[in-house]
N, C-alpha and C. Protein backbone atom coordinates (compact mmCIF):
# COMPACT_ATOMS: atom_id res chain seq x y z
N UNK A 1 6.09 -14.45 1.00
CA UNK A 1 7.29 -13.83 0.44
C UNK A 1 6.96 -13.08 -0.84
N UNK A 2 6.19 -13.71 -1.73
CA UNK A 2 5.87 -13.07 -3.00
C UNK A 2 5.15 -11.75 -2.78
N UNK A 3 4.16 -11.76 -1.87
CA UNK A 3 3.41 -10.54 -1.62
C UNK A 3 4.31 -9.45 -1.05
N UNK A 4 5.24 -9.83 -0.16
CA UNK A 4 6.14 -8.84 0.43
C UNK A 4 7.03 -8.20 -0.62
N UNK A 5 7.56 -8.99 -1.54
CA UNK A 5 8.43 -8.42 -2.56
C UNK A 5 7.62 -7.54 -3.52
N UNK A 6 6.39 -7.97 -3.81
CA UNK A 6 5.53 -7.14 -4.67
C UNK A 6 5.19 -5.83 -3.96
N UNK A 7 4.86 -5.90 -2.66
CA UNK A 7 4.53 -4.70 -1.92
C UNK A 7 5.74 -3.78 -1.81
N UNK A 8 6.93 -4.35 -1.70
CA UNK A 8 8.13 -3.52 -1.64
C UNK A 8 8.25 -2.67 -2.91
N UNK A 9 8.05 -3.27 -4.07
CA UNK A 9 8.10 -2.50 -5.31
C UNK A 9 7.05 -1.41 -5.35
N UNK A 10 5.82 -1.75 -4.92
CA UNK A 10 4.74 -0.75 -4.89
C UNK A 10 5.06 0.38 -3.92
N UNK A 11 5.59 0.03 -2.75
CA UNK A 11 5.92 1.04 -1.74
C UNK A 11 7.07 1.92 -2.18
N UNK A 12 8.08 1.33 -2.81
CA UNK A 12 9.21 2.14 -3.30
C UNK A 12 8.75 3.10 -4.39
N UNK A 13 7.88 2.65 -5.27
CA UNK A 13 7.35 3.55 -6.30
C UNK A 13 6.60 4.71 -5.64
N UNK A 14 5.83 4.43 -4.61
CA UNK A 14 5.11 5.49 -3.90
C UNK A 14 6.09 6.48 -3.27
N UNK A 15 7.16 5.98 -2.66
CA UNK A 15 8.18 6.88 -2.10
C UNK A 15 8.80 7.76 -3.19
N UNK A 16 9.11 7.15 -4.32
CA UNK A 16 9.75 7.89 -5.41
C UNK A 16 8.83 8.95 -6.01
N UNK A 17 7.54 8.74 -5.94
CA UNK A 17 6.60 9.71 -6.50
C UNK A 17 6.10 10.71 -5.46
N UNK A 18 6.54 10.55 -4.21
CA UNK A 18 6.18 11.48 -3.14
C UNK A 18 7.42 11.85 -2.34
N UNK A 19 8.37 12.55 -2.97
CA UNK A 19 9.66 12.82 -2.33
C UNK A 19 9.56 13.66 -1.05
N UNK A 20 8.57 14.52 -0.93
CA UNK A 20 8.44 15.32 0.29
C UNK A 20 8.09 14.44 1.49
N UNK A 21 7.25 13.43 1.26
CA UNK A 21 6.89 12.52 2.35
C UNK A 21 8.06 11.61 2.70
N UNK A 22 8.83 11.22 1.69
CA UNK A 22 10.05 10.43 1.95
C UNK A 22 11.03 11.26 2.77
N UNK A 23 11.16 12.53 2.43
CA UNK A 23 12.07 13.42 3.18
C UNK A 23 11.60 13.58 4.63
N UNK A 24 10.29 13.66 4.83
CA UNK A 24 9.75 13.74 6.21
C UNK A 24 10.20 12.54 7.04
N UNK A 25 10.07 11.35 6.46
CA UNK A 25 10.45 10.14 7.19
C UNK A 25 11.97 10.03 7.33
N UNK A 26 12.70 10.57 6.38
CA UNK A 26 14.16 10.55 6.47
C UNK A 26 14.63 11.39 7.65
N UNK A 27 13.96 12.52 7.88
CA UNK A 27 14.34 13.40 8.99
C UNK A 27 13.70 12.97 10.31
N UNK A 28 12.62 12.19 10.24
CA UNK A 28 11.96 11.70 11.45
C UNK A 28 11.69 10.20 11.28
N UNK A 29 12.69 9.36 11.56
CA UNK A 29 12.54 7.91 11.36
C UNK A 29 11.38 7.27 12.13
N UNK A 30 10.86 7.95 13.15
CA UNK A 30 9.70 7.41 13.86
C UNK A 30 8.46 7.34 12.96
N UNK A 31 8.50 8.06 11.83
CA UNK A 31 7.38 8.05 10.88
C UNK A 31 7.43 6.84 9.94
N UNK A 32 8.51 6.08 9.94
CA UNK A 32 8.65 4.99 8.96
C UNK A 32 7.54 3.95 9.07
N UNK A 33 7.13 3.51 10.26
CA UNK A 33 5.99 2.57 10.29
C UNK A 33 4.71 3.16 9.68
N UNK A 34 4.44 4.41 9.97
CA UNK A 34 3.26 5.07 9.41
C UNK A 34 3.39 5.22 7.90
N UNK A 35 4.56 5.63 7.43
CA UNK A 35 4.78 5.78 6.00
C UNK A 35 4.67 4.43 5.29
N UNK A 36 5.14 3.38 5.93
CA UNK A 36 5.02 2.04 5.35
C UNK A 36 3.55 1.68 5.15
N UNK A 37 2.74 1.92 6.16
CA UNK A 37 1.30 1.66 6.04
C UNK A 37 0.68 2.55 4.96
N UNK A 38 1.11 3.79 4.90
CA UNK A 38 0.56 4.73 3.91
C UNK A 38 0.90 4.30 2.49
N UNK A 39 2.13 3.84 2.26
CA UNK A 39 2.48 3.39 0.91
C UNK A 39 1.70 2.14 0.54
N UNK A 40 1.41 1.30 1.52
CA UNK A 40 0.61 0.11 1.29
C UNK A 40 -0.85 0.49 1.01
N UNK A 41 -1.34 1.51 1.69
CA UNK A 41 -2.70 1.98 1.45
C UNK A 41 -2.84 2.53 0.04
N UNK A 42 -1.88 3.34 -0.36
CA UNK A 42 -1.97 4.00 -1.67
C UNK A 42 -1.71 3.06 -2.84
N UNK A 43 -0.83 2.09 -2.65
CA UNK A 43 -0.42 1.23 -3.76
C UNK A 43 -0.33 -0.22 -3.28
N UNK A 44 -1.48 -0.85 -2.99
CA UNK A 44 -1.43 -2.22 -2.48
C UNK A 44 -1.03 -3.22 -3.57
N UNK A 45 -0.16 -4.15 -3.20
CA UNK A 45 0.26 -5.20 -4.15
C UNK A 45 -0.91 -6.12 -4.49
N UNK A 46 -1.78 -6.32 -3.54
CA UNK A 46 -3.00 -7.10 -3.78
C UNK A 46 -4.19 -6.16 -3.67
N UNK A 47 -4.63 -5.60 -4.80
CA UNK A 47 -5.68 -4.59 -4.75
C UNK A 47 -7.08 -5.13 -4.52
N UNK A 48 -7.24 -6.46 -4.55
CA UNK A 48 -8.56 -7.04 -4.35
C UNK A 48 -8.42 -8.37 -3.62
N UNK A 49 -9.49 -8.76 -2.94
CA UNK A 49 -9.50 -10.02 -2.18
C UNK A 49 -10.74 -10.82 -2.56
N UNK A 50 -10.55 -12.06 -2.97
CA UNK A 50 -11.72 -12.90 -3.29
C UNK A 50 -12.38 -13.42 -2.01
N UNK A 51 -13.67 -13.45 -2.00
CA UNK A 51 -14.42 -13.97 -0.87
C UNK A 51 -15.66 -14.70 -1.41
N UNK A 52 -16.27 -15.54 -0.58
CA UNK A 52 -17.49 -16.25 -0.93
C UNK A 52 -18.57 -15.84 0.07
N UNK A 53 -19.71 -15.47 -0.44
CA UNK A 53 -20.84 -15.10 0.43
C UNK A 53 -21.34 -16.37 1.11
N UNK A 54 -21.30 -16.38 2.44
CA UNK A 54 -21.77 -17.55 3.19
C UNK A 54 -23.28 -17.55 3.37
N UNK A 55 -23.87 -16.38 3.26
CA UNK A 55 -25.32 -16.24 3.37
C UNK A 55 -25.76 -15.24 2.31
N UNK A 56 -27.02 -15.19 2.04
CA UNK A 56 -27.53 -14.20 1.09
C UNK A 56 -27.28 -12.81 1.65
N UNK A 57 -26.75 -11.94 0.80
CA UNK A 57 -26.44 -10.57 1.21
C UNK A 57 -27.30 -9.60 0.43
N UNK A 58 -27.61 -8.48 1.05
CA UNK A 58 -28.32 -7.40 0.38
C UNK A 58 -27.43 -6.17 0.50
N UNK A 59 -26.91 -5.73 -0.65
CA UNK A 59 -25.99 -4.60 -0.67
C UNK A 59 -26.49 -3.60 -1.70
N UNK A 60 -26.77 -2.41 -1.22
CA UNK A 60 -27.18 -1.31 -2.10
C UNK A 60 -28.32 -1.71 -3.05
N UNK A 61 -29.30 -2.41 -2.50
CA UNK A 61 -30.46 -2.79 -3.30
C UNK A 61 -30.26 -4.02 -4.16
N UNK A 62 -29.13 -4.67 -4.05
CA UNK A 62 -28.85 -5.87 -4.85
C UNK A 62 -28.78 -7.08 -3.93
N UNK A 63 -29.33 -8.19 -4.40
CA UNK A 63 -29.25 -9.43 -3.64
C UNK A 63 -28.10 -10.27 -4.18
N UNK A 64 -27.25 -10.71 -3.27
CA UNK A 64 -26.13 -11.58 -3.63
C UNK A 64 -26.39 -12.92 -2.96
N UNK A 65 -26.69 -13.94 -3.76
CA UNK A 65 -27.03 -15.24 -3.18
C UNK A 65 -25.86 -15.88 -2.44
N UNK A 66 -26.18 -16.68 -1.42
CA UNK A 66 -25.16 -17.45 -0.70
C UNK A 66 -24.40 -18.30 -1.71
N UNK A 67 -23.10 -18.40 -1.51
CA UNK A 67 -22.25 -19.17 -2.41
C UNK A 67 -21.67 -18.35 -3.55
N UNK A 68 -22.12 -17.12 -3.70
CA UNK A 68 -21.59 -16.27 -4.78
C UNK A 68 -20.14 -15.89 -4.51
N UNK A 69 -19.37 -15.82 -5.57
CA UNK A 69 -17.99 -15.35 -5.45
C UNK A 69 -17.99 -13.83 -5.53
N UNK A 70 -17.22 -13.22 -4.64
CA UNK A 70 -17.12 -11.77 -4.60
C UNK A 70 -15.66 -11.38 -4.73
N UNK A 71 -15.40 -10.24 -5.31
CA UNK A 71 -14.05 -9.69 -5.37
C UNK A 71 -14.11 -8.33 -4.68
N UNK A 72 -13.57 -8.26 -3.48
CA UNK A 72 -13.61 -7.03 -2.70
C UNK A 72 -12.43 -6.16 -3.08
N UNK A 73 -12.69 -4.94 -3.49
CA UNK A 73 -11.63 -4.06 -3.99
C UNK A 73 -11.00 -3.27 -2.83
N UNK A 74 -9.90 -3.79 -2.34
CA UNK A 74 -9.16 -3.16 -1.25
C UNK A 74 -8.64 -1.79 -1.69
N UNK A 75 -8.16 -1.71 -2.93
CA UNK A 75 -7.60 -0.44 -3.43
C UNK A 75 -8.65 0.67 -3.39
N UNK A 76 -9.88 0.36 -3.74
CA UNK A 76 -10.95 1.36 -3.70
C UNK A 76 -11.30 1.70 -2.25
N UNK A 77 -11.36 0.68 -1.39
CA UNK A 77 -11.68 0.93 0.02
C UNK A 77 -10.63 1.82 0.67
N UNK A 78 -9.38 1.67 0.27
CA UNK A 78 -8.30 2.48 0.83
C UNK A 78 -8.33 3.94 0.35
N UNK A 79 -9.19 4.24 -0.60
CA UNK A 79 -9.31 5.61 -1.10
C UNK A 79 -10.72 6.16 -0.91
N UNK A 80 -11.49 5.50 -0.08
CA UNK A 80 -12.86 5.93 0.21
C UNK A 80 -12.82 7.19 1.06
N UNK A 81 -13.32 8.31 0.54
CA UNK A 81 -13.26 9.56 1.30
C UNK A 81 -14.10 9.57 2.58
N UNK A 82 -15.02 8.63 2.73
CA UNK A 82 -15.77 8.56 3.98
C UNK A 82 -14.95 7.90 5.08
N UNK A 83 -13.88 7.20 4.71
CA UNK A 83 -13.02 6.53 5.69
C UNK A 83 -11.65 7.21 5.82
N UNK A 84 -11.21 7.86 4.75
CA UNK A 84 -9.86 8.43 4.71
C UNK A 84 -9.92 9.90 4.34
N UNK A 85 -9.60 10.80 5.26
CA UNK A 85 -9.55 12.22 4.90
C UNK A 85 -8.49 12.44 3.81
N UNK A 86 -8.86 13.18 2.79
CA UNK A 86 -7.95 13.49 1.68
C UNK A 86 -7.27 12.21 1.17
N UNK A 87 -8.06 11.25 0.69
CA UNK A 87 -7.55 9.91 0.41
C UNK A 87 -6.51 9.82 -0.70
N UNK A 88 -6.44 10.78 -1.60
CA UNK A 88 -5.46 10.72 -2.69
C UNK A 88 -4.09 11.25 -2.28
N UNK A 89 -4.03 11.92 -1.14
CA UNK A 89 -2.78 12.53 -0.69
C UNK A 89 -1.94 11.51 0.08
N UNK A 90 -0.66 11.48 -0.20
CA UNK A 90 0.28 10.66 0.58
C UNK A 90 0.66 11.47 1.82
N UNK A 91 0.46 10.86 2.99
CA UNK A 91 0.73 11.53 4.26
C UNK A 91 1.53 10.59 5.15
N UNK A 92 2.82 10.85 5.30
CA UNK A 92 3.70 9.99 6.07
C UNK A 92 3.23 9.82 7.52
N UNK A 93 2.50 10.77 8.05
CA UNK A 93 2.05 10.71 9.43
C UNK A 93 0.63 10.24 9.62
N UNK A 94 -0.05 9.84 8.56
CA UNK A 94 -1.47 9.48 8.64
C UNK A 94 -1.73 8.43 9.72
N UNK A 95 -0.91 7.40 9.79
CA UNK A 95 -1.17 6.30 10.71
C UNK A 95 -0.64 6.56 12.12
N UNK A 96 -0.18 7.78 12.39
CA UNK A 96 0.21 8.14 13.75
C UNK A 96 -0.96 8.77 14.50
N UNK A 97 -2.02 9.11 13.77
CA UNK A 97 -3.16 9.81 14.38
C UNK A 97 -4.23 8.83 14.85
N UNK A 98 -4.78 9.12 16.00
CA UNK A 98 -5.89 8.32 16.54
C UNK A 98 -7.08 8.43 15.61
N UNK A 99 -7.84 7.36 15.54
CA UNK A 99 -9.05 7.37 14.73
C UNK A 99 -8.81 7.07 13.26
N UNK A 100 -7.57 6.80 12.87
CA UNK A 100 -7.30 6.47 11.47
C UNK A 100 -7.91 5.11 11.16
N UNK A 101 -8.52 5.00 10.00
CA UNK A 101 -9.15 3.74 9.60
C UNK A 101 -8.13 2.61 9.55
N UNK A 102 -8.64 1.39 9.59
CA UNK A 102 -7.78 0.21 9.56
C UNK A 102 -7.35 -0.09 8.14
N UNK A 103 -6.07 -0.37 7.98
CA UNK A 103 -5.53 -0.79 6.71
C UNK A 103 -6.08 -2.18 6.39
N UNK A 104 -6.60 -2.38 5.18
CA UNK A 104 -7.22 -3.65 4.82
C UNK A 104 -6.30 -4.55 3.99
N UNK A 105 -5.11 -4.09 3.68
CA UNK A 105 -4.22 -4.82 2.78
C UNK A 105 -3.84 -6.21 3.29
N UNK A 106 -3.90 -6.41 4.60
CA UNK A 106 -3.55 -7.72 5.15
C UNK A 106 -4.79 -8.50 5.58
N UNK A 107 -5.94 -8.09 5.09
CA UNK A 107 -7.18 -8.77 5.44
C UNK A 107 -7.72 -8.26 6.76
N UNK A 108 -8.72 -8.96 7.27
CA UNK A 108 -9.35 -8.59 8.54
C UNK A 108 -10.08 -9.79 9.10
N UNK A 109 -10.27 -9.79 10.40
CA UNK A 109 -11.02 -10.85 11.06
C UNK A 109 -10.41 -12.22 10.81
N UNK A 110 -11.27 -13.17 10.46
CA UNK A 110 -10.80 -14.55 10.22
C UNK A 110 -9.85 -14.63 9.04
N UNK A 111 -9.87 -13.63 8.20
CA UNK A 111 -9.01 -13.63 7.01
C UNK A 111 -7.75 -12.77 7.18
N UNK A 112 -7.42 -12.41 8.41
CA UNK A 112 -6.23 -11.60 8.64
C UNK A 112 -4.98 -12.44 8.38
N UNK A 113 -4.04 -11.89 7.67
CA UNK A 113 -2.82 -12.60 7.28
C UNK A 113 -1.98 -12.95 8.50
N UNK A 114 -1.64 -14.23 8.64
CA UNK A 114 -0.82 -14.67 9.77
C UNK A 114 0.58 -14.07 9.71
N UNK A 115 1.07 -13.74 8.54
CA UNK A 115 2.41 -13.20 8.39
C UNK A 115 2.45 -11.68 8.31
N UNK A 116 1.34 -11.01 8.65
CA UNK A 116 1.26 -9.56 8.51
C UNK A 116 2.35 -8.83 9.30
N UNK A 117 2.59 -9.22 10.52
CA UNK A 117 3.60 -8.53 11.35
C UNK A 117 4.99 -8.68 10.73
N UNK A 118 5.32 -9.87 10.26
CA UNK A 118 6.62 -10.09 9.62
C UNK A 118 6.72 -9.30 8.31
N UNK A 119 5.65 -9.30 7.54
CA UNK A 119 5.64 -8.56 6.28
C UNK A 119 5.83 -7.06 6.52
N UNK A 120 5.11 -6.50 7.51
CA UNK A 120 5.25 -5.07 7.82
C UNK A 120 6.66 -4.75 8.29
N UNK A 121 7.21 -5.59 9.17
CA UNK A 121 8.55 -5.35 9.70
C UNK A 121 9.58 -5.41 8.56
N UNK A 122 9.45 -6.39 7.68
CA UNK A 122 10.37 -6.51 6.55
C UNK A 122 10.28 -5.28 5.66
N UNK A 123 9.07 -4.87 5.35
CA UNK A 123 8.85 -3.69 4.51
C UNK A 123 9.40 -2.44 5.17
N UNK A 124 9.15 -2.27 6.47
CA UNK A 124 9.67 -1.10 7.20
C UNK A 124 11.19 -1.05 7.15
N UNK A 125 11.85 -2.17 7.36
CA UNK A 125 13.32 -2.18 7.36
C UNK A 125 13.88 -1.91 5.97
N UNK A 126 13.23 -2.42 4.94
CA UNK A 126 13.66 -2.13 3.56
C UNK A 126 13.49 -0.65 3.26
N UNK A 127 12.36 -0.07 3.63
CA UNK A 127 12.14 1.36 3.38
C UNK A 127 13.11 2.20 4.20
N UNK A 128 13.39 1.78 5.42
CA UNK A 128 14.36 2.48 6.28
C UNK A 128 15.73 2.54 5.58
N UNK A 129 16.16 1.42 5.01
CA UNK A 129 17.46 1.36 4.33
C UNK A 129 17.48 2.24 3.08
N UNK A 130 16.41 2.20 2.31
CA UNK A 130 16.33 3.02 1.09
C UNK A 130 16.31 4.50 1.46
N UNK A 131 15.54 4.87 2.48
CA UNK A 131 15.48 6.26 2.91
C UNK A 131 16.84 6.73 3.41
N UNK A 132 17.55 5.88 4.14
CA UNK A 132 18.87 6.26 4.66
C UNK A 132 19.87 6.48 3.54
N UNK A 133 19.71 5.76 2.44
CA UNK A 133 20.64 5.89 1.31
C UNK A 133 20.22 7.00 0.35
N UNK A 134 19.05 7.58 0.55
CA UNK A 134 18.48 8.56 -0.39
C UNK A 134 18.95 9.96 -0.13
N UNK A 135 18.34 10.92 -0.78
CA UNK A 135 17.12 10.84 -1.58
C UNK A 135 17.38 10.28 -2.99
N UNK A 136 16.28 9.79 -3.57
CA UNK A 136 16.30 9.18 -4.89
C UNK A 136 15.30 9.89 -5.79
N UNK A 137 15.51 9.75 -7.09
CA UNK A 137 14.54 10.27 -8.05
C UNK A 137 14.33 9.26 -9.17
N UNK A 138 13.10 9.20 -9.68
CA UNK A 138 12.80 8.34 -10.82
C UNK A 138 13.50 8.89 -12.06
N UNK A 139 13.95 8.01 -12.92
CA UNK A 139 14.58 8.44 -14.17
C UNK A 139 13.68 8.17 -15.36
N UNK A 140 12.46 7.76 -15.08
CA UNK A 140 11.48 7.45 -16.11
C UNK A 140 10.13 7.95 -15.64
N UNK A 141 9.27 8.32 -16.55
CA UNK A 141 7.92 8.75 -16.19
C UNK A 141 7.15 7.58 -15.60
N UNK A 142 6.38 7.84 -14.56
CA UNK A 142 5.62 6.79 -13.88
C UNK A 142 4.74 6.02 -14.85
N UNK A 143 4.07 6.72 -15.76
CA UNK A 143 3.15 6.03 -16.68
C UNK A 143 3.86 5.19 -17.73
N UNK A 144 5.19 5.26 -17.79
CA UNK A 144 5.96 4.42 -18.72
C UNK A 144 6.49 3.15 -18.06
N UNK A 145 6.31 3.03 -16.75
CA UNK A 145 6.81 1.86 -16.02
C UNK A 145 5.78 0.73 -16.15
N UNK A 146 6.18 -0.39 -16.73
CA UNK A 146 5.24 -1.51 -16.85
C UNK A 146 5.03 -2.22 -15.52
N UNK A 147 3.88 -2.86 -15.39
CA UNK A 147 3.54 -3.58 -14.17
C UNK A 147 3.51 -5.08 -14.44
N UNK A 148 3.97 -5.83 -13.47
CA UNK A 148 3.91 -7.29 -13.48
C UNK A 148 2.67 -7.64 -12.67
N UNK A 149 1.83 -8.52 -13.21
CA UNK A 149 0.63 -8.93 -12.49
C UNK A 149 0.59 -10.45 -12.45
N UNK A 150 1.03 -11.00 -11.33
CA UNK A 150 1.00 -12.45 -11.08
C UNK A 150 0.76 -12.60 -9.59
N UNK A 151 -0.40 -13.10 -9.20
CA UNK A 151 -0.74 -13.24 -7.78
C UNK A 151 -0.55 -11.94 -7.02
N UNK A 152 -0.82 -10.86 -7.65
CA UNK A 152 -0.59 -9.53 -7.10
C UNK A 152 -0.01 -8.66 -8.20
N UNK A 153 0.46 -7.49 -7.83
CA UNK A 153 1.01 -6.60 -8.84
C UNK A 153 2.19 -5.83 -8.27
N UNK A 154 3.08 -5.43 -9.17
CA UNK A 154 4.25 -4.64 -8.77
C UNK A 154 4.86 -4.04 -10.02
N UNK A 155 5.56 -2.93 -9.86
CA UNK A 155 6.27 -2.39 -11.02
C UNK A 155 7.33 -3.40 -11.49
N UNK A 156 7.48 -3.54 -12.80
CA UNK A 156 8.50 -4.46 -13.33
C UNK A 156 9.90 -3.91 -13.09
N UNK A 157 10.00 -2.60 -13.04
CA UNK A 157 11.31 -1.97 -12.81
C UNK A 157 11.08 -0.64 -12.09
N UNK A 158 12.11 -0.20 -11.40
CA UNK A 158 12.08 1.10 -10.73
C UNK A 158 13.35 1.85 -11.10
N UNK A 159 13.34 2.47 -12.27
CA UNK A 159 14.53 3.19 -12.71
C UNK A 159 14.72 4.46 -11.85
N UNK A 160 15.72 4.42 -11.00
CA UNK A 160 15.96 5.54 -10.08
C UNK A 160 17.45 5.76 -9.93
N UNK A 161 17.77 6.96 -9.51
CA UNK A 161 19.18 7.31 -9.22
C UNK A 161 19.20 8.22 -8.01
N UNK A 162 20.36 8.29 -7.36
CA UNK A 162 20.47 9.23 -6.23
C UNK A 162 20.21 10.66 -6.71
N UNK A 163 19.50 11.39 -5.95
CA UNK A 163 19.20 12.79 -6.28
C UNK A 163 20.46 13.61 -6.00
N UNK A 164 20.93 14.29 -7.00
CA UNK A 164 22.17 15.06 -6.86
C UNK A 164 21.93 16.51 -6.51
N UNK A 165 20.71 16.97 -6.66
CA UNK A 165 20.37 18.36 -6.31
C UNK A 165 19.16 18.35 -5.39
N UNK A 166 19.09 19.28 -4.48
CA UNK A 166 17.93 19.34 -3.57
C UNK A 166 17.28 20.70 -3.62
């Protein structure tokens, strides 16, 4: 639950800072699942995942002994240009295309989140409701919005109002 509410704040902030992509999904609701994944890719509530090396690893010329604690940066992986074309751009349709890389925000393999489907569905329905009630605009500069960081991260507030002009 905590991660879902944190991700909702991160995803809403992404929508508010990318109004053209929000408008795309508003006019084509079939894009909402893809846009939900895209907002999670761009602004993950859990930007890193702790792991323990079970065996000695050799990565980029460095040896990591078995038992070492690692912090895998999901946020960086989600912006890796070798995996994501134009990784800094928000694209509501990115996850509708074949060959799109796998979103890592819910883990992978043995560490895949058991509640991922419920979390995605909840997030999609929340974004669907916000998009239906929109468009919205931020009333504060993004860099002035403080972040809460407890078992994840999320904006502390999302000062927004209905957009009165288009």
